[in-house]
């Protein structure tokens, strides 16, 4: 699983397009892509690899990293 952020909907859309093109260039089957119209959160399902591309606000809201007990790169874990 890959989780990444773009700074705007335009950048998220461009990143998604580039990932899809790179997968096709590698000879991978065409991935399933969701979320392109809004480009707040784009999910690219390439089978063995899932790519999540977010705008920063949306990434912070859903906070997928916490599902696995992993802090986002910019967060510091505090002991309780």
PDB file of N, CA and C in Angstrom:
ATOM      1  N   UNK A   1       0.846  -1.169   0.000  1.00  0.00           N
ATOM      2  CA  UNK A   1       0.000   0.000   0.000  1.00  0.00           C
ATOM      3  C   UNK A   1       0.891   1.232   0.000  1.00  0.00           C
ATOM      4  N   UNK A   2       0.538   2.163  -0.851  1.00  0.00           N
ATOM      5  CA  UNK A   2       1.246   3.437  -0.939  1.00  0.00           C
ATOM      6  C   UNK A   2       0.249   4.529  -0.578  1.00  0.00           C
ATOM      7  N   UNK A   3       0.659   5.429   0.320  1.00  0.00           N
ATOM      8  CA  UNK A   3      -0.171   6.576   0.691  1.00  0.00           C
ATOM      9  C   UNK A   3       0.657   7.823   0.444  1.00  0.00           C
ATOM     10  N   UNK A   4       0.111   8.737  -0.352  1.00  0.00           N
ATOM     11  CA  UNK A   4       0.840   9.960  -0.691  1.00  0.00           C
ATOM     12  C   UNK A   4      -0.124  11.130  -0.768  1.00  0.00           C
ATOM     13  N   UNK A   5       0.426  12.322  -0.734  1.00  0.00           N
ATOM     14  CA  UNK A   5      -0.379  13.545  -0.791  1.00  0.00           C
ATOM     15  C   UNK A   5       0.064  14.431  -1.943  1.00  0.00           C
ATOM     16  N   UNK A   6      -0.915  15.138  -2.499  1.00  0.00           N
ATOM     17  CA  UNK A   6      -0.657  16.211  -3.443  1.00  0.00           C
ATOM     18  C   UNK A   6      -1.145  17.492  -2.803  1.00  0.00           C
ATOM     19  N   UNK A   7      -0.647  18.606  -3.231  1.00  0.00           N
ATOM     20  CA  UNK A   7      -0.988  19.880  -2.598  1.00  0.00           C
ATOM     21  C   UNK A   7      -2.339  20.433  -3.020  1.00  0.00           C
ATOM     22  N   UNK A   8      -2.873  19.949  -4.138  1.00  0.00           N
ATOM     23  CA  UNK A   8      -4.144  20.463  -4.660  1.00  0.00           C
ATOM     24  C   UNK A   8      -4.843  19.356  -5.431  1.00  0.00           C
ATOM     25  N   UNK A   9      -6.096  19.591  -5.803  1.00  0.00           N
ATOM     26  CA  UNK A   9      -6.811  18.599  -6.598  1.00  0.00           C
ATOM     27  C   UNK A   9      -6.129  18.396  -7.949  1.00  0.00           C
ATOM     28  N   UNK A  10      -5.572  19.463  -8.500  1.00  0.00           N
ATOM     29  CA  UNK A  10      -4.859  19.358  -9.772  1.00  0.00           C
ATOM     30  C   UNK A  10      -3.643  18.458  -9.636  1.00  0.00           C
ATOM     31  N   UNK A  11      -2.897  18.635  -8.566  1.00  0.00           N
ATOM     32  CA  UNK A  11      -1.707  17.814  -8.367  1.00  0.00           C
ATOM     33  C   UNK A  11      -2.078  16.357  -8.077  1.00  0.00           C
ATOM     34  N   UNK A  12      -3.107  16.124  -7.295  1.00  0.00           N
ATOM     35  CA  UNK A  12      -3.558  14.753  -7.020  1.00  0.00           C
ATOM     36  C   UNK A  12      -3.971  14.078  -8.328  1.00  0.00           C
ATOM     37  N   UNK A  13      -4.701  14.792  -9.177  1.00  0.00           N
ATOM     38  CA  UNK A  13      -5.099  14.238 -10.469  1.00  0.00           C
ATOM     39  C   UNK A  13      -3.912  13.932 -11.358  1.00  0.00           C
ATOM     40  N   UNK A  14      -2.922  14.819 -11.372  1.00  0.00           N
ATOM     41  CA  UNK A  14      -1.721  14.609 -12.187  1.00  0.00           C
ATOM     42  C   UNK A  14      -0.909  13.421 -11.666  1.00  0.00           C
ATOM     43  N   UNK A  15      -0.802  13.292 -10.347  1.00  0.00           N
ATOM     44  CA  UNK A  15      -0.101  12.146  -9.764  1.00  0.00           C
ATOM     45  C   UNK A  15      -0.810  10.839 -10.128  1.00  0.00           C
ATOM     46  N   UNK A  16      -2.128  10.843 -10.034  1.00  0.00           N
ATOM     47  CA  UNK A  16      -2.897   9.643 -10.373  1.00  0.00           C
ATOM     48  C   UNK A  16      -2.674   9.264 -11.836  1.00  0.00           C
ATOM     49  N   UNK A  17      -2.717  10.249 -12.715  1.00  0.00           N
ATOM     50  CA  UNK A  17      -2.498  10.000 -14.136  1.00  0.00           C
ATOM     51  C   UNK A  17      -1.109   9.411 -14.380  1.00  0.00           C
ATOM     52  N   UNK A  18      -0.127   9.948 -13.701  1.00  0.00           N
ATOM     53  CA  UNK A  18       1.252   9.472 -13.874  1.00  0.00           C
ATOM     54  C   UNK A  18       1.425   8.047 -13.356  1.00  0.00           C
ATOM     55  N   UNK A  19       0.811   7.730 -12.229  1.00  0.00           N
ATOM     56  CA  UNK A  19       0.890   6.365 -11.686  1.00  0.00           C
ATOM     57  C   UNK A  19       0.232   5.377 -12.650  1.00  0.00           C
ATOM     58  N   UNK A  20      -0.941   5.713 -13.164  1.00  0.00           N
ATOM     59  CA  UNK A  20      -1.651   4.833 -14.098  1.00  0.00           C
ATOM     60  C   UNK A  20      -0.825   4.632 -15.361  1.00  0.00           C
ATOM     61  N   UNK A  21      -0.251   5.714 -15.898  1.00  0.00           N
ATOM     62  CA  UNK A  21       0.581   5.586 -17.106  1.00  0.00           C
ATOM     63  C   UNK A  21       1.821   4.746 -16.850  1.00  0.00           C
ATOM     64  N   UNK A  22       2.451   4.916 -15.680  1.00  0.00           N
ATOM     65  CA  UNK A  22       3.643   4.129 -15.342  1.00  0.00           C
ATOM     66  C   UNK A  22       3.302   2.645 -15.238  1.00  0.00           C
ATOM     67  N   UNK A  23       2.160   2.336 -14.643  1.00  0.00           N
ATOM     68  CA  UNK A  23       1.738   0.935 -14.551  1.00  0.00           C
ATOM     69  C   UNK A  23       1.517   0.340 -15.942  1.00  0.00           C
ATOM     70  N   UNK A  24       0.871   1.092 -16.819  1.00  0.00           N
ATOM     71  CA  UNK A  24       0.639   0.616 -18.184  1.00  0.00           C
ATOM     72  C   UNK A  24       1.964   0.428 -18.916  1.00  0.00           C
ATOM     73  N   UNK A  25       2.906   1.364 -18.746  1.00  0.00           N
ATOM     74  CA  UNK A  25       4.216   1.268 -19.388  1.00  0.00           C
ATOM     75  C   UNK A  25       4.992   0.045 -18.920  1.00  0.00           C
ATOM     76  N   UNK A  26       4.744  -0.381 -17.673  1.00  0.00           N
ATOM     77  CA  UNK A  26       5.400  -1.564 -17.124  1.00  0.00           C
ATOM     78  C   UNK A  26       4.745  -2.853 -17.610  1.00  0.00           C
ATOM     79  N   UNK A  27       3.629  -2.731 -18.316  1.00  0.00           N
ATOM     80  CA  UNK A  27       2.931  -3.899 -18.820  1.00  0.00           C
ATOM     81  C   UNK A  27       1.901  -4.463 -17.861  1.00  0.00           C
ATOM     82  N   UNK A  28       1.622  -3.746 -16.783  1.00  0.00           N
ATOM     83  CA  UNK A  28       0.616  -4.192 -15.822  1.00  0.00           C
ATOM     84  C   UNK A  28      -0.771  -4.002 -16.418  1.00  0.00           C
ATOM     85  N   UNK A  29      -1.736  -4.812 -15.983  1.00  0.00           N
ATOM     86  CA  UNK A  29      -3.110  -4.598 -16.454  1.00  0.00           C
ATOM     87  C   UNK A  29      -3.611  -3.215 -16.029  1.00  0.00           C
ATOM     88  N   UNK A  30      -4.560  -2.688 -16.759  1.00  0.00           N
ATOM     89  CA  UNK A  30      -5.110  -1.375 -16.425  1.00  0.00           C
ATOM     90  C   UNK A  30      -5.727  -1.419 -15.030  1.00  0.00           C
ATOM     91  N   UNK A  31      -5.272  -0.548 -14.124  1.00  0.00           N
ATOM     92  CA  UNK A  31      -5.785  -0.579 -12.753  1.00  0.00           C
ATOM     93  C   UNK A  31      -7.179   0.035 -12.656  1.00  0.00           C
ATOM     94  N   UNK A  32      -7.881  -0.330 -11.589  1.00  0.00           N
ATOM     95  CA  UNK A  32      -9.164   0.315 -11.281  1.00  0.00           C
ATOM     96  C   UNK A  32      -8.848   1.625 -10.575  1.00  0.00           C
ATOM     97  N   UNK A  33      -9.500   2.690 -10.997  1.00  0.00           N
ATOM     98  CA  UNK A  33      -9.239   4.018 -10.434  1.00  0.00           C
ATOM     99  C   UNK A  33     -10.555   4.616  -9.971  1.00  0.00           C
ATOM    100  N   UNK A  34     -10.570   5.129  -8.740  1.00  0.00           N
ATOM    101  CA  UNK A  34     -11.767   5.782  -8.193  1.00  0.00           C
ATOM    102  C   UNK A  34     -11.394   7.150  -7.649  1.00  0.00           C
ATOM    103  N   UNK A  35     -12.325   8.085  -7.737  1.00  0.00           N
ATOM    104  CA  UNK A  35     -12.147   9.400  -7.141  1.00  0.00           C
ATOM    105  C   UNK A  35     -11.576  10.470  -8.040  1.00  0.00           C
ATOM    106  N   UNK A  36     -11.409  10.175  -9.323  1.00  0.00           N
ATOM    107  CA  UNK A  36     -10.788  11.152 -10.224  1.00  0.00           C
ATOM    108  C   UNK A  36     -11.633  12.405 -10.436  1.00  0.00           C
ATOM    109  N   UNK A  37     -12.950  12.332 -10.517  1.00  0.00           N
ATOM    110  CA  UNK A  37     -13.684  13.581 -10.761  1.00  0.00           C
ATOM    111  C   UNK A  37     -13.414  14.666  -9.714  1.00  0.00           C
ATOM    112  N   UNK A  38     -13.364  14.300  -8.437  1.00  0.00           N
ATOM    113  CA  UNK A  38     -13.135  15.304  -7.388  1.00  0.00           C
ATOM    114  C   UNK A  38     -11.658  15.485  -7.080  1.00  0.00           C
ATOM    115  N   UNK A  39     -10.874  14.422  -7.182  1.00  0.00           N
ATOM    116  CA  UNK A  39      -9.435  14.423  -6.904  1.00  0.00           C
ATOM    117  C   UNK A  39      -9.090  14.868  -5.483  1.00  0.00           C
ATOM    118  N   UNK A  40     -10.006  14.638  -4.533  1.00  0.00           N
ATOM    119  CA  UNK A  40      -9.678  14.845  -3.126  1.00  0.00           C
ATOM    120  C   UNK A  40      -8.941  13.619  -2.595  1.00  0.00           C
ATOM    121  N   UNK A  41      -9.416  12.443  -3.004  1.00  0.00           N
ATOM    122  CA  UNK A  41      -8.826  11.161  -2.634  1.00  0.00           C
ATOM    123  C   UNK A  41      -8.972  10.263  -3.851  1.00  0.00           C
ATOM    124  N   UNK A  42      -7.864   9.878  -4.440  1.00  0.00           N
ATOM    125  CA  UNK A  42      -7.890   8.973  -5.589  1.00  0.00           C
ATOM    126  C   UNK A  42      -7.311   7.636  -5.146  1.00  0.00           C
ATOM    127  N   UNK A  43      -8.044   6.581  -5.423  1.00  0.00           N
ATOM    128  CA  UNK A  43      -7.613   5.233  -5.101  1.00  0.00           C
ATOM    129  C   UNK A  43      -7.284   4.516  -6.402  1.00  0.00           C
ATOM    130  N   UNK A  44      -6.094   3.952  -6.478  1.00  0.00           N
ATOM    131  CA  UNK A  44      -5.668   3.191  -7.651  1.00  0.00           C
ATOM    132  C   UNK A  44      -5.419   1.765  -7.186  1.00  0.00           C
ATOM    133  N   UNK A  45      -6.231   0.843  -7.688  1.00  0.00           N
ATOM    134  CA  UNK A  45      -6.110  -0.564  -7.323  1.00  0.00           C
ATOM    135  C   UNK A  45      -5.405  -1.284  -8.462  1.00  0.00           C
ATOM    136  N   UNK A  46      -4.130  -1.589  -8.245  1.00  0.00           N
ATOM    137  CA  UNK A  46      -3.326  -2.268  -9.256  1.00  0.00           C
ATOM    138  C   UNK A  46      -3.109  -3.732  -8.890  1.00  0.00           C
ATOM    139  N   UNK A  47      -4.028  -4.300  -8.155  1.00  0.00           N
ATOM    140  CA  UNK A  47      -3.905  -5.708  -7.777  1.00  0.00           C
ATOM    141  C   UNK A  47      -3.072  -5.863  -6.515  1.00  0.00           C
ATOM    142  N   UNK A  48      -1.803  -6.163  -6.680  1.00  0.00           N
ATOM    143  CA  UNK A  48      -0.911  -6.355  -5.527  1.00  0.00           C
ATOM    144  C   UNK A  48      -0.546  -5.039  -4.848  1.00  0.00           C
ATOM    145  N   UNK A  49      -0.758  -3.937  -5.529  1.00  0.00           N
ATOM    146  CA  UNK A  49      -0.407  -2.612  -4.989  1.00  0.00           C
ATOM    147  C   UNK A  49      -1.643  -1.728  -5.013  1.00  0.00           C
ATOM    148  N   UNK A  50      -1.905  -1.089  -3.881  1.00  0.00           N
ATOM    149  CA  UNK A  50      -2.991  -0.115  -3.778  1.00  0.00           C
ATOM    150  C   UNK A  50      -2.350   1.239  -3.507  1.00  0.00           C
ATOM    151  N   UNK A  51      -2.735   2.238  -4.274  1.00  0.00           N
ATOM    152  CA  UNK A  51      -2.188   3.582  -4.116  1.00  0.00           C
ATOM    153  C   UNK A  51      -3.314   4.519  -3.698  1.00  0.00           C
ATOM    154  N   UNK A  52      -3.100   5.236  -2.600  1.00  0.00           N
ATOM    155  CA  UNK A  52      -4.041   6.253  -2.127  1.00  0.00           C
ATOM    156  C   UNK A  52      -3.360   7.606  -2.308  1.00  0.00           C
ATOM    157  N   UNK A  53      -3.990   8.502  -3.048  1.00  0.00           N
ATOM    158  CA  UNK A  53      -3.470   9.858  -3.240  1.00  0.00           C
ATOM    159  C   UNK A  53      -4.487  10.834  -2.653  1.00  0.00           C
ATOM    160  N   UNK A  54      -4.026  11.687  -1.758  1.00  0.00           N
ATOM    161  CA  UNK A  54      -4.911  12.590  -1.027  1.00  0.00           C
ATOM    162  C   UNK A  54      -4.499  14.052  -1.174  1.00  0.00           C
ATOM    163  N   UNK A  55      -5.471  14.940  -0.999  1.00  0.00           N
ATOM    164  CA  UNK A  55      -5.151  16.321  -0.646  1.00  0.00           C
ATOM    165  C   UNK A  55      -4.825  16.281   0.839  1.00  0.00           C
ATOM    166  N   UNK A  56      -3.966  17.164   1.359  1.00  0.00           N
ATOM    167  CA  UNK A  56      -3.546  17.103   2.768  1.00  0.00           C
ATOM    168  C   UNK A  56      -4.694  17.091   3.774  1.00  0.00           C
ATOM    169  N   UNK A  57      -5.721  17.903   3.550  1.00  0.00           N
ATOM    170  CA  UNK A  57      -6.829  17.974   4.503  1.00  0.00           C
ATOM    171  C   UNK A  57      -7.597  16.663   4.555  1.00  0.00           C
ATOM    172  N   UNK A  58      -7.766  16.034   3.411  1.00  0.00           N
ATOM    173  CA  UNK A  58      -8.502  14.781   3.329  1.00  0.00           C
ATOM    174  C   UNK A  58      -7.669  13.655   3.950  1.00  0.00           C
ATOM    175  N   UNK A  59      -6.368  13.676   3.699  1.00  0.00           N
ATOM    176  CA  UNK A  59      -5.490  12.673   4.302  1.00  0.00           C
ATOM    177  C   UNK A  59      -5.505  12.772   5.823  1.00  0.00           C
ATOM    178  N   UNK A  60      -5.479  13.976   6.349  1.00  0.00           N
ATOM    179  CA  UNK A  60      -5.523  14.169   7.801  1.00  0.00           C
ATOM    180  C   UNK A  60      -6.861  13.698   8.369  1.00  0.00           C
ATOM    181  N   UNK A  61      -7.950  13.940   7.645  1.00  0.00           N
ATOM    182  CA  UNK A  61      -9.269  13.543   8.126  1.00  0.00           C
ATOM    183  C   UNK A  61      -9.396  12.016   8.218  1.00  0.00           C
ATOM    184  N   UNK A  62      -9.022  11.307   7.162  1.00  0.00           N
ATOM    185  CA  UNK A  62      -9.170   9.849   7.147  1.00  0.00           C
ATOM    186  C   UNK A  62      -8.052   9.136   7.902  1.00  0.00           C
ATOM    187  N   UNK A  63      -6.861   9.708   7.917  1.00  0.00           N
ATOM    188  CA  UNK A  63      -5.736   9.219   8.716  1.00  0.00           C
ATOM    189  C   UNK A  63      -5.556   7.700   8.616  1.00  0.00           C
ATOM    190  N   UNK A  64      -5.411   7.200   7.399  1.00  0.00           N
ATOM    191  CA  UNK A  64      -5.288   5.763   7.172  1.00  0.00           C
ATOM    192  C   UNK A  64      -4.120   5.133   7.923  1.00  0.00           C
ATOM    193  N   UNK A  65      -3.065   5.887   8.140  1.00  0.00           N
ATOM    194  CA  UNK A  65      -1.891   5.341   8.827  1.00  0.00           C
ATOM    195  C   UNK A  65      -2.235   4.828  10.220  1.00  0.00           C
ATOM    196  N   UNK A  66      -3.179   5.468  10.887  1.00  0.00           N
ATOM    197  CA  UNK A  66      -3.554   5.065  12.241  1.00  0.00           C
ATOM    198  C   UNK A  66      -4.202   3.682  12.274  1.00  0.00           C
ATOM    199  N   UNK A  67      -4.764   3.223  11.156  1.00  0.00           N
ATOM    200  CA  UNK A  67      -5.367   1.897  11.114  1.00  0.00           C
ATOM    201  C   UNK A  67      -4.349   0.803  11.395  1.00  0.00           C
ATOM    202  N   UNK A  68      -3.079   1.076  11.080  1.00  0.00           N
ATOM    203  CA  UNK A  68      -2.019   0.101  11.285  1.00  0.00           C
ATOM    204  C   UNK A  68      -1.101   0.502  12.432  1.00  0.00           C
ATOM    205  N   UNK A  69      -1.481   1.522  13.187  1.00  0.00           N
ATOM    206  CA  UNK A  69      -0.670   1.942  14.321  1.00  0.00           C
ATOM    207  C   UNK A  69       0.608   2.635  13.914  1.00  0.00           C
ATOM    208  N   UNK A  70       0.617   3.212  12.726  1.00  0.00           N
ATOM    209  CA  UNK A  70       1.807   3.892  12.223  1.00  0.00           C
ATOM    210  C   UNK A  70       1.526   5.386  12.171  1.00  0.00           C
ATOM    211  N   UNK A  71       2.467   6.186  12.635  1.00  0.00           N
ATOM    212  CA  UNK A  71       2.310   7.628  12.573  1.00  0.00           C
ATOM    213  C   UNK A  71       2.631   8.131  11.176  1.00  0.00           C
ATOM    214  N   UNK A  72       1.969   9.203  10.807  1.00  0.00           N
ATOM    215  CA  UNK A  72       2.323   9.868   9.557  1.00  0.00           C
ATOM    216  C   UNK A  72       3.736  10.383   9.686  1.00  0.00           C
ATOM    217  N   UNK A  73       4.462  10.530   8.603  1.00  0.00           N
ATOM    218  CA  UNK A  73       5.867  10.958   8.676  1.00  0.00           C
ATOM    219  C   UNK A  73       6.084  12.256   9.442  1.00  0.00           C
ATOM    220  N   UNK A  74       5.116  13.156   9.459  1.00  0.00           N
ATOM    221  CA  UNK A  74       5.307  14.440  10.133  1.00  0.00           C
ATOM    222  C   UNK A  74       4.855  14.418  11.579  1.00  0.00           C
ATOM    223  N   UNK A  75       4.295  13.285  12.038  1.00  0.00           N
ATOM    224  CA  UNK A  75       3.804  13.193  13.405  1.00  0.00           C
ATOM    225  C   UNK A  75       4.837  12.525  14.307  1.00  0.00           C
ATOM    226  N   UNK A  76       4.848  12.933  15.525  1.00  0.00           N
ATOM    227  CA  UNK A  76       5.683  12.272  16.537  1.00  0.00           C
ATOM    228  C   UNK A  76       4.754  11.535  17.475  1.00  0.00           C
ATOM    229  N   UNK A  77       5.074  10.311  17.763  1.00  0.00           N
ATOM    230  CA  UNK A  77       4.235   9.516  18.666  1.00  0.00           C
ATOM    231  C   UNK A  77       4.494   9.942  20.097  1.00  0.00           C
ATOM    232  N   UNK A  78       3.430  10.148  20.871  1.00  0.00           N
ATOM    233  CA  UNK A  78       3.562  10.510  22.281  1.00  0.00           C
ATOM    234  C   UNK A  78       3.225   9.297  23.114  1.00  0.00           C
ATOM    235  N   UNK A  79       3.982   9.084  24.161  1.00  0.00           N
ATOM    236  CA  UNK A  79       3.686   7.935  25.017  1.00  0.00           C
ATOM    237  C   UNK A  79       2.606   8.311  26.019  1.00  0.00           C
ATOM    238  N   UNK A  80       1.731   7.355  26.286  1.00  0.00           N
ATOM    239  CA  UNK A  80       0.601   7.612  27.177  1.00  0.00           C
ATOM    240  C   UNK A  80       0.852   7.064  28.559  1.00  0.00           C
TER     241      UNK A  80
END
